Amino acid sequence: MGEPTPGNALFVAERIRRGWHTQEAFAAAYRDHALAIGEAADISVRQVRRWESDRPGWPCRDARRVRMT
C-alpha cells in the first residue's frame, strides 16, 4: 500500500492554531459565525474533511461568504 497523504496541512494547522482541535469544533464555530453575520451557510464535518484532504477543491460560493478572521 502507498504512504498516507499529508492532506491540506496548512488548513489543519490553522484550524488547530485557532483553537478548533476537532473538525466538529470547526464546523460548529463556522455555523455560529455564519449566523452572527446573518448568513444562512452551514457546513458538515464531512465538508471539513474534504477541505482537509489532499485534493480539497474550492468551497462553494455560500461557504466563501463566511470569513472567519
PDB file of N, CA and C in Angstrom:
ATOM      1  N   MET A   1       0.835  -1.183   0.000  1.00  0.00           N
ATOM      2  CA  MET A   1       0.000   0.000   0.000  1.00  0.00           C
ATOM      3  C   MET A   1       0.874   1.238   0.000  1.00  0.00           C
ATOM      4  N   GLY A   2       0.316   2.357  -0.495  1.00  0.00           N
ATOM      5  CA  GLY A   2       1.061   3.606  -0.545  1.00  0.00           C
ATOM      6  C   GLY A   2       1.130   4.281   0.814  1.00  0.00           C
ATOM      7  N   GLU A   3       1.980   5.276   0.876  1.00  0.00           N
ATOM      8  CA  GLU A   3       2.101   6.046   2.117  1.00  0.00           C
ATOM      9  C   GLU A   3       0.911   6.978   2.246  1.00  0.00           C
ATOM     10  N   PRO A   4       0.506   7.293   3.474  1.00  0.00           N
ATOM     11  CA  PRO A   4      -0.626   8.208   3.653  1.00  0.00           C
ATOM     12  C   PRO A   4      -0.258   9.594   3.134  1.00  0.00           C
ATOM     13  N   THR A   5      -1.240  10.265   2.547  1.00  0.00           N
ATOM     14  CA  THR A   5      -1.003  11.612   2.040  1.00  0.00           C
ATOM     15  C   THR A   5      -1.177  12.616   3.173  1.00  0.00           C
ATOM     16  N   PRO A   6      -0.416  13.712   3.124  1.00  0.00           N
ATOM     17  CA  PRO A   6      -0.479  14.678   4.216  1.00  0.00           C
ATOM     18  C   PRO A   6      -1.762  15.489   4.222  1.00  0.00           C
ATOM     19  N   GLY A   7      -2.468  15.540   3.116  1.00  0.00           N
ATOM     20  CA  GLY A   7      -3.679  16.331   3.062  1.00  0.00           C
ATOM     21  C   GLY A   7      -3.366  17.817   3.032  1.00  0.00           C
ATOM     22  N   ASN A   8      -4.323  18.615   3.372  1.00  0.00           N
ATOM     23  CA  ASN A   8      -4.187  20.066   3.369  1.00  0.00           C
ATOM     24  C   ASN A   8      -3.638  20.487   4.731  1.00  0.00           C
ATOM     25  N   ALA A   9      -2.351  20.292   4.909  1.00  0.00           N
ATOM     26  CA  ALA A   9      -1.707  20.522   6.212  1.00  0.00           C
ATOM     27  C   ALA A   9      -1.840  21.961   6.682  1.00  0.00           C
ATOM     28  N   LEU A  10      -1.835  22.911   5.761  1.00  0.00           N
ATOM     29  CA  LEU A  10      -1.969  24.315   6.163  1.00  0.00           C
ATOM     30  C   LEU A  10      -3.340  24.598   6.770  1.00  0.00           C
ATOM     31  N   PHE A  11      -4.375  24.027   6.171  1.00  0.00           N
ATOM     32  CA  PHE A  11      -5.721  24.211   6.697  1.00  0.00           C
ATOM     33  C   PHE A  11      -5.830  23.601   8.098  1.00  0.00           C
ATOM     34  N   VAL A  12      -5.327  22.385   8.238  1.00  0.00           N
ATOM     35  CA  VAL A  12      -5.382  21.700   9.538  1.00  0.00           C
ATOM     36  C   VAL A  12      -4.609  22.492  10.589  1.00  0.00           C
ATOM     37  N   ALA A  13      -3.409  22.943  10.235  1.00  0.00           N
ATOM     38  CA  ALA A  13      -2.580  23.695  11.194  1.00  0.00           C
ATOM     39  C   ALA A  13      -3.277  24.989  11.623  1.00  0.00           C
ATOM     40  N   GLU A  14      -3.890  25.679  10.671  1.00  0.00           N
ATOM     41  CA  GLU A  14      -4.578  26.934  11.009  1.00  0.00           C
ATOM     42  C   GLU A  14      -5.804  26.669  11.872  1.00  0.00           C
ATOM     43  N   ARG A  15      -6.537  25.606  11.565  1.00  0.00           N
ATOM     44  CA  ARG A  15      -7.709  25.250  12.387  1.00  0.00           C
ATOM     45  C   ARG A  15      -7.281  25.016  13.830  1.00  0.00           C
ATOM     46  N   ILE A  16      -6.227  24.249  14.009  1.00  0.00           N
ATOM     47  CA  ILE A  16      -5.751  23.934  15.355  1.00  0.00           C
ATOM     48  C   ILE A  16      -5.177  25.168  16.037  1.00  0.00           C
ATOM     49  N   ARG A  17      -4.448  26.007  15.287  1.00  0.00           N
ATOM     50  CA  ARG A  17      -3.877  27.231  15.856  1.00  0.00           C
ATOM     51  C   ARG A  17      -4.965  28.146  16.412  1.00  0.00           C
ATOM     52  N   ARG A  18      -6.109  28.143  15.771  1.00  0.00           N
ATOM     53  CA  ARG A  18      -7.214  28.997  16.212  1.00  0.00           C
ATOM     54  C   ARG A  18      -8.035  28.365  17.340  1.00  0.00           C
ATOM     55  N   GLY A  19      -7.645  27.168  17.774  1.00  0.00           N
ATOM     56  CA  GLY A  19      -8.302  26.561  18.923  1.00  0.00           C
ATOM     57  C   GLY A  19      -9.385  25.561  18.594  1.00  0.00           C
ATOM     58  N   TRP A  20      -9.596  25.265  17.328  1.00  0.00           N
ATOM     59  CA  TRP A  20     -10.592  24.272  16.934  1.00  0.00           C
ATOM     60  C   TRP A  20      -9.859  22.957  16.748  1.00  0.00           C
ATOM     61  N   HIS A  21      -9.765  22.181  17.809  1.00  0.00           N
ATOM     62  CA  HIS A  21      -8.940  20.974  17.802  1.00  0.00           C
ATOM     63  C   HIS A  21      -9.608  19.773  17.153  1.00  0.00           C
ATOM     64  N   THR A  22     -10.873  19.906  16.828  1.00  0.00           N
ATOM     65  CA  THR A  22     -11.566  18.832  16.119  1.00  0.00           C
ATOM     66  C   THR A  22     -12.306  19.427  14.931  1.00  0.00           C
ATOM     67  N   GLN A  23     -12.599  18.580  13.976  1.00  0.00           N
ATOM     68  CA  GLN A  23     -13.379  19.021  12.826  1.00  0.00           C
ATOM     69  C   GLN A  23     -14.784  19.434  13.263  1.00  0.00           C
ATOM     70  N   GLU A  24     -15.308  18.755  14.263  1.00  0.00           N
ATOM     71  CA  GLU A  24     -16.624  19.102  14.790  1.00  0.00           C
ATOM     72  C   GLU A  24     -16.628  20.504  15.388  1.00  0.00           C
ATOM     73  N   ALA A  25     -15.560  20.851  16.105  1.00  0.00           N
ATOM     74  CA  ALA A  25     -15.461  22.182  16.711  1.00  0.00           C
ATOM     75  C   ALA A  25     -15.404  23.260  15.633  1.00  0.00           C
ATOM     76  N   PHE A  26     -14.661  22.999  14.561  1.00  0.00           N
ATOM     77  CA  PHE A  26     -14.597  23.970  13.471  1.00  0.00           C
ATOM     78  C   PHE A  26     -15.960  24.145  12.819  1.00  0.00           C
ATOM     79  N   ALA A  27     -16.643  23.041  12.526  1.00  0.00           N
ATOM     80  CA  ALA A  27     -17.965  23.121  11.890  1.00  0.00           C
ATOM     81  C   ALA A  27     -18.939  23.906  12.764  1.00  0.00           C
ATOM     82  N   ALA A  28     -18.913  23.685  14.071  1.00  0.00           N
ATOM     83  CA  ALA A  28     -19.800  24.409  14.984  1.00  0.00           C
ATOM     84  C   ALA A  28     -19.451  25.901  15.016  1.00  0.00           C
ATOM     85  N   ALA A  29     -18.162  26.226  15.052  1.00  0.00           N
ATOM     86  CA  ALA A  29     -17.747  27.629  15.066  1.00  0.00           C
ATOM     87  C   ALA A  29     -18.127  28.308  13.759  1.00  0.00           C
ATOM     88  N   TYR A  30     -17.980  27.615  12.662  1.00  0.00           N
ATOM     89  CA  TYR A  30     -18.373  28.144  11.354  1.00  0.00           C
ATOM     90  C   TYR A  30     -19.864  28.463  11.345  1.00  0.00           C
ATOM     91  N   ARG A  31     -20.666  27.521  11.799  1.00  0.00           N
ATOM     92  CA  ARG A  31     -22.114  27.696  11.841  1.00  0.00           C
ATOM     93  C   ARG A  31     -22.482  28.889  12.715  1.00  0.00           C
ATOM     94  N   ASP A  32     -21.873  29.001  13.903  1.00  0.00           N
ATOM     95  CA  ASP A  32     -22.154  30.112  14.815  1.00  0.00           C
ATOM     96  C   ASP A  32     -21.764  31.446  14.194  1.00  0.00           C
ATOM     97  N   HIS A  33     -20.603  31.486  13.531  1.00  0.00           N
ATOM     98  CA  HIS A  33     -20.141  32.723  12.913  1.00  0.00           C
ATOM     99  C   HIS A  33     -21.057  33.117  11.757  1.00  0.00           C
ATOM    100  N   ALA A  34     -21.468  32.157  10.954  1.00  0.00           N
ATOM    101  CA  ALA A  34     -22.373  32.445   9.839  1.00  0.00           C
ATOM    102  C   ALA A  34     -23.665  33.072  10.356  1.00  0.00           C
ATOM    103  N   LEU A  35     -24.215  32.512  11.406  1.00  0.00           N
ATOM    104  CA  LEU A  35     -25.437  33.075  11.982  1.00  0.00           C
ATOM    105  C   LEU A  35     -25.201  34.484  12.515  1.00  0.00           C
ATOM    106  N   ALA A  36     -24.061  34.697  13.154  1.00  0.00           N
ATOM    107  CA  ALA A  36     -23.753  36.005  13.735  1.00  0.00           C
ATOM    108  C   ALA A  36     -23.640  37.095  12.678  1.00  0.00           C
ATOM    109  N   ILE A  37     -23.200  36.743  11.472  1.00  0.00           N
ATOM    110  CA  ILE A  37     -23.068  37.748  10.419  1.00  0.00           C
ATOM    111  C   ILE A  37     -24.261  37.732   9.461  1.00  0.00           C
ATOM    112  N   GLY A  38     -25.292  36.965   9.793  1.00  0.00           N
ATOM    113  CA  GLY A  38     -26.519  36.962   9.008  1.00  0.00           C
ATOM    114  C   GLY A  38     -26.483  36.129   7.751  1.00  0.00           C
ATOM    115  N   GLU A  39     -25.595  35.155   7.676  1.00  0.00           N
ATOM    116  CA  GLU A  39     -25.524  34.256   6.519  1.00  0.00           C
ATOM    117  C   GLU A  39     -26.201  32.938   6.866  1.00  0.00           C
ATOM    118  N   ALA A  40     -26.850  32.364   5.888  1.00  0.00           N
ATOM    119  CA  ALA A  40     -27.531  31.089   6.094  1.00  0.00           C
ATOM    120  C   ALA A  40     -26.657  29.930   5.616  1.00  0.00           C
ATOM    121  N   ALA A  41     -25.360  30.043   5.810  1.00  0.00           N
ATOM    122  CA  ALA A  41     -24.430  28.998   5.376  1.00  0.00           C
ATOM    123  C   ALA A  41     -24.170  28.037   6.536  1.00  0.00           C
ATOM    124  N   ASP A  42     -23.977  26.793   6.198  1.00  0.00           N
ATOM    125  CA  ASP A  42     -23.676  25.770   7.200  1.00  0.00           C
ATOM    126  C   ASP A  42     -22.767  24.746   6.533  1.00  0.00           C
ATOM    127  N   ILE A  43     -21.908  24.124   7.311  1.00  0.00           N
ATOM    128  CA  ILE A  43     -21.059  23.062   6.785  1.00  0.00           C
ATOM    129  C   ILE A  43     -21.143  21.869   7.712  1.00  0.00           C
ATOM    130  N   SER A  44     -20.860  20.724   7.166  1.00  0.00           N
ATOM    131  CA  SER A  44     -20.845  19.491   7.944  1.00  0.00           C
ATOM    132  C   SER A  44     -19.408  19.098   8.245  1.00  0.00           C
ATOM    133  N   VAL A  45     -19.253  18.158   9.139  1.00  0.00           N
ATOM    134  CA  VAL A  45     -17.930  17.608   9.419  1.00  0.00           C
ATOM    135  C   VAL A  45     -17.382  16.949   8.150  1.00  0.00           C
ATOM    136  N   ARG A  46     -18.239  16.370   7.368  1.00  0.00           N
ATOM    137  CA  ARG A  46     -17.810  15.760   6.107  1.00  0.00           C
ATOM    138  C   ARG A  46     -17.170  16.813   5.196  1.00  0.00           C
ATOM    139  N   GLN A  47     -17.758  18.018   5.155  1.00  0.00           N
ATOM    140  CA  GLN A  47     -17.183  19.082   4.334  1.00  0.00           C
ATOM    141  C   GLN A  47     -15.818  19.509   4.877  1.00  0.00           C
ATOM    142  N   VAL A  48     -15.672  19.587   6.187  1.00  0.00           N
ATOM    143  CA  VAL A  48     -14.373  19.931   6.775  1.00  0.00           C
ATOM    144  C   VAL A  48     -13.347  18.879   6.381  1.00  0.00           C
ATOM    145  N   ARG A  49     -13.734  17.607   6.428  1.00  0.00           N
ATOM    146  CA  ARG A  49     -12.818  16.534   5.998  1.00  0.00           C
ATOM    147  C   ARG A  49     -12.387  16.729   4.552  1.00  0.00           C
ATOM    148  N   ARG A  50     -13.320  17.134   3.691  1.00  0.00           N
ATOM    149  CA  ARG A  50     -12.966  17.381   2.290  1.00  0.00           C
ATOM    150  C   ARG A  50     -11.939  18.503   2.185  1.00  0.00           C
ATOM    151  N   TRP A  51     -12.151  19.598   2.918  1.00  0.00           N
ATOM    152  CA  TRP A  51     -11.229  20.730   2.866  1.00  0.00           C
ATOM    153  C   TRP A  51      -9.861  20.340   3.410  1.00  0.00           C
ATOM    154  N   GLU A  52      -9.826  19.360   4.302  1.00  0.00           N
ATOM    155  CA  GLU A  52      -8.556  18.918   4.879  1.00  0.00           C
ATOM    156  C   GLU A  52      -7.900  17.799   4.068  1.00  0.00           C
ATOM    157  N   SER A  53      -8.532  17.363   3.012  1.00  0.00           N
ATOM    158  CA  SER A  53      -7.971  16.282   2.195  1.00  0.00           C
ATOM    159  C   SER A  53      -6.839  16.804   1.316  1.00  0.00           C
ATOM    160  N   ASP A  54      -6.169  15.886   0.632  1.00  0.00           N
ATOM    161  CA  ASP A  54      -5.067  16.286  -0.236  1.00  0.00           C
ATOM    162  C   ASP A  54      -5.558  16.922  -1.535  1.00  0.00           C
ATOM    163  N   ARG A  55      -6.836  16.832  -1.830  1.00  0.00           N
ATOM    164  CA  ARG A  55      -7.430  17.476  -3.010  1.00  0.00           C
ATOM    165  C   ARG A  55      -8.709  18.191  -2.579  1.00  0.00           C
ATOM    166  N   PRO A  56      -8.578  19.308  -1.855  1.00  0.00           N
ATOM    167  CA  PRO A  56      -9.744  19.911  -1.225  1.00  0.00           C
ATOM    168  C   PRO A  56     -10.732  20.593  -2.154  1.00  0.00           C
ATOM    169  N   GLY A  57     -10.312  21.115  -3.269  1.00  0.00           N
ATOM    170  CA  GLY A  57     -11.235  21.873  -4.109  1.00  0.00           C
ATOM    171  C   GLY A  57     -11.580  23.201  -3.438  1.00  0.00           C
ATOM    172  N   TRP A  58     -12.412  23.963  -4.083  1.00  0.00           N
ATOM    173  CA  TRP A  58     -12.806  25.269  -3.552  1.00  0.00           C
ATOM    174  C   TRP A  58     -14.141  25.164  -2.835  1.00  0.00           C
ATOM    175  N   PRO A  59     -14.312  25.924  -1.736  1.00  0.00           N
ATOM    176  CA  PRO A  59     -15.621  25.966  -1.076  1.00  0.00           C
ATOM    177  C   PRO A  59     -16.662  26.572  -2.016  1.00  0.00           C
ATOM    178  N   CYS A  60     -17.898  26.201  -1.824  1.00  0.00           N
ATOM    179  CA  CYS A  60     -18.968  26.765  -2.645  1.00  0.00           C
ATOM    180  C   CYS A  60     -19.105  28.263  -2.354  1.00  0.00           C
ATOM    181  N   ARG A  61     -19.808  28.961  -3.218  1.00  0.00           N
ATOM    182  CA  ARG A  61     -19.972  30.411  -3.085  1.00  0.00           C
ATOM    183  C   ARG A  61     -20.527  30.806  -1.719  1.00  0.00           C
ATOM    184  N   ASP A  62     -21.537  30.098  -1.241  1.00  0.00           N
ATOM    185  CA  ASP A  62     -22.137  30.425   0.057  1.00  0.00           C
ATOM    186  C   ASP A  62     -21.115  30.264   1.187  1.00  0.00           C
ATOM    187  N   ALA A  63     -20.326  29.200   1.124  1.00  0.00           N
ATOM    188  CA  ALA A  63     -19.328  28.961   2.170  1.00  0.00           C
ATOM    189  C   ALA A  63     -18.235  30.022   2.139  1.00  0.00           C
ATOM    190  N   ARG A  64     -17.887  30.526   0.959  1.00  0.00           N
ATOM    191  CA  ARG A  64     -16.832  31.537   0.857  1.00  0.00           C
ATOM    192  C   ARG A  64     -17.253  32.877   1.434  1.00  0.00           C
ATOM    193  N   ARG A  65     -18.558  33.133   1.525  1.00  0.00           N
ATOM    194  CA  ARG A  65     -19.022  34.418   2.076  1.00  0.00           C
ATOM    195  C   ARG A  65     -18.770  34.510   3.592  1.00  0.00           C
ATOM    196  N   VAL A  66     -18.613  33.388   4.241  1.00  0.00           N
ATOM    197  CA  VAL A  66     -18.392  33.376   5.684  1.00  0.00           C
ATOM    198  C   VAL A  66     -16.887  33.374   5.931  1.00  0.00           C
ATOM    199  N   ARG A  67     -16.344  34.535   6.276  1.00  0.00           N
ATOM    200  CA  ARG A  67     -14.903  34.677   6.504  1.00  0.00           C
ATOM    201  C   ARG A  67     -14.659  34.695   8.006  1.00  0.00           C
ATOM    202  N   MET A  68     -13.919  33.723   8.468  1.00  0.00           N
ATOM    203  CA  MET A  68     -13.637  33.607   9.901  1.00  0.00           C
ATOM    204  C   MET A  68     -12.227  34.129  10.151  1.00  0.00           C
ATOM    205  N   THR A  69     -12.130  35.423  10.412  1.00  0.00           N
ATOM    206  CA  THR A  69     -10.820  36.028  10.618  1.00  0.00           C
ATOM    207  C   THR A  69     -10.494  36.150  12.075  1.00  0.00           C
TER     208      THR A  69
END
